[in-house]
Amino acid sequence: MLSFLKNRLPGVVCGKANSSHSGFRISQDVKASLNSDGLVLINLRRGTVFSANRVGAMIWSAAAERCGFDRVAEEISREFHIPVETAREDAASFLAQLASEGLLIVDAH
């Protein structure tokens, strides 16, 4: 069962879901805990634990809320003063890694 603590970290603001959502959904086998330093994920099926820094927590929160990918990159860029393209590339890489570990599922739509 999905258990996601809704303690939002600053920076990711997602209104209602839109057609340009992240393209991912959280696996039902994952429990997540956010804190001020980042994120801890537990894959219950595989018995593995993952941790991520604050940026990873922002990306995870956005995926959980099905925010648009461009919005996430813009928020990271603005908060950490990095180019949007760098934020976009890093976020895409992180999302791909989460999917490869079975923590996120790619939506087929």
Protein backbone atom coordinates (compact mmCIF):
# COMPACT_ATOMS: atom_id res chain seq x y z
CA MET A 1 0.00 0.00 0.00
CA LEU A 2 1.29 3.47 -0.83
CA SER A 3 2.28 5.49 2.17
CA PHE A 4 3.54 8.97 1.38
CA LEU A 5 4.05 11.58 4.03
CA LYS A 6 2.81 14.87 2.65
CA ASN A 7 5.44 17.02 4.39
CA ARG A 8 6.23 19.19 1.41
CA LEU A 9 9.69 20.65 1.12
CA PRO A 10 9.85 24.27 -0.04
CA GLY A 11 10.12 24.88 -3.74
CA VAL A 12 7.76 22.42 -5.40
CA VAL A 13 4.39 24.01 -5.98
CA CYS A 14 1.95 21.89 -7.90
CA GLY A 15 -1.62 22.89 -8.45
CA LYS A 16 -4.19 20.54 -9.88
CA ALA A 17 -2.87 17.73 -12.05
CA ASN A 18 -2.45 18.74 -15.65
CA SER A 19 -1.83 17.04 -18.93
CA SER A 20 1.91 17.58 -18.69
CA HIS A 21 2.40 15.64 -15.46
CA SER A 22 5.68 13.91 -14.74
CA GLY A 23 4.72 10.64 -16.47
CA PHE A 24 5.44 8.59 -13.36
CA ARG A 25 3.47 7.17 -10.48
CA ILE A 26 4.71 5.75 -7.22
CA SER A 27 4.91 1.99 -6.86
CA GLN A 28 2.50 0.55 -4.32
CA ASP A 29 5.46 -1.32 -2.80
CA VAL A 30 7.14 1.91 -1.65
CA LYS A 31 7.00 3.76 1.62
CA ALA A 32 8.51 7.22 1.76
CA SER A 33 9.50 9.64 4.47
CA LEU A 34 10.44 13.27 3.83
CA ASN A 35 12.46 15.38 6.21
CA SER A 36 14.32 18.68 6.07
CA ASP A 37 17.48 16.94 4.81
CA GLY A 38 15.84 14.90 2.06
CA LEU A 39 14.05 11.63 1.62
CA VAL A 40 14.18 7.97 2.62
CA LEU A 41 12.45 5.35 0.45
CA ILE A 42 11.80 1.71 1.31
CA ASN A 43 10.93 -0.80 -1.38
CA LEU A 44 8.94 -3.35 0.61
CA ARG A 45 8.97 -5.97 -2.13
CA ARG A 46 12.74 -5.93 -2.60
CA GLY A 47 13.65 -5.06 0.98
CA THR A 48 15.87 -2.18 -0.09
CA VAL A 49 16.28 1.29 1.38
CA PHE A 50 17.24 4.41 -0.58
CA SER A 51 18.00 7.93 0.52
CA ALA A 52 18.15 11.17 -1.43
CA ASN A 53 19.12 14.74 -0.70
CA ARG A 54 16.79 17.72 -0.67
CA VAL A 55 16.69 18.01 -4.47
CA GLY A 56 15.80 14.33 -4.76
CA ALA A 57 13.02 14.92 -2.24
CA MET A 58 11.67 17.79 -4.34
CA ILE A 59 11.64 15.58 -7.45
CA TRP A 60 9.98 12.72 -5.54
CA SER A 61 7.32 15.08 -4.13
CA ALA A 62 6.58 16.39 -7.60
CA ALA A 63 6.27 12.87 -9.02
CA ALA A 64 3.99 11.90 -6.14
CA GLU A 65 1.76 14.86 -6.85
CA ARG A 66 2.01 14.28 -10.61
CA CYS A 67 3.42 17.73 -11.29
CA GLY A 68 4.61 18.71 -14.72
CA PHE A 69 8.25 17.88 -15.40
CA ASP A 70 9.09 21.37 -16.66
CA ARG A 71 7.61 22.93 -13.53
CA VAL A 72 9.83 20.74 -11.33
CA ALA A 73 12.95 21.71 -13.28
CA GLU A 74 12.03 25.40 -13.07
CA GLU A 75 11.49 25.19 -9.30
CA ILE A 76 14.84 23.43 -8.78
CA SER A 77 16.58 25.94 -11.04
CA ARG A 78 15.10 28.87 -9.18
CA GLU A 79 15.77 27.53 -5.68
CA PHE A 80 19.34 26.33 -6.30
CA HIS A 81 20.40 28.95 -8.87
CA ILE A 82 21.34 26.49 -11.61
CA PRO A 83 20.42 26.52 -15.31
CA VAL A 84 16.99 25.05 -16.08
CA GLU A 85 18.55 22.63 -18.57
CA THR A 86 20.90 21.27 -15.90
CA ALA A 87 17.97 20.84 -13.50
CA ARG A 88 15.95 19.11 -16.24
CA GLU A 89 18.78 16.69 -17.10
CA ASP A 90 19.50 15.87 -13.45
CA ALA A 91 15.81 15.39 -12.64
CA ALA A 92 15.35 13.11 -15.67
CA SER A 93 18.35 11.05 -14.60
CA PHE A 94 17.06 10.77 -11.03
CA LEU A 95 13.56 9.76 -12.18
CA ALA A 96 15.04 7.12 -14.48
CA GLN A 97 17.09 5.74 -11.60
CA LEU A 98 14.02 5.58 -9.35
CA ALA A 99 12.11 3.78 -12.10
CA SER A 100 14.93 1.29 -12.66
CA GLU A 101 14.86 0.47 -8.93
CA GLY A 102 11.09 -0.14 -9.03
CA LEU A 103 10.24 2.88 -6.91
CA LEU A 104 8.43 4.70 -9.70
CA ILE A 105 6.37 3.25 -12.52
CA VAL A 106 6.37 4.87 -15.94
CA ASP A 107 2.82 5.75 -17.04
CA ALA A 108 1.94 4.36 -20.45
CA HIS A 109 -0.32 7.03 -21.90
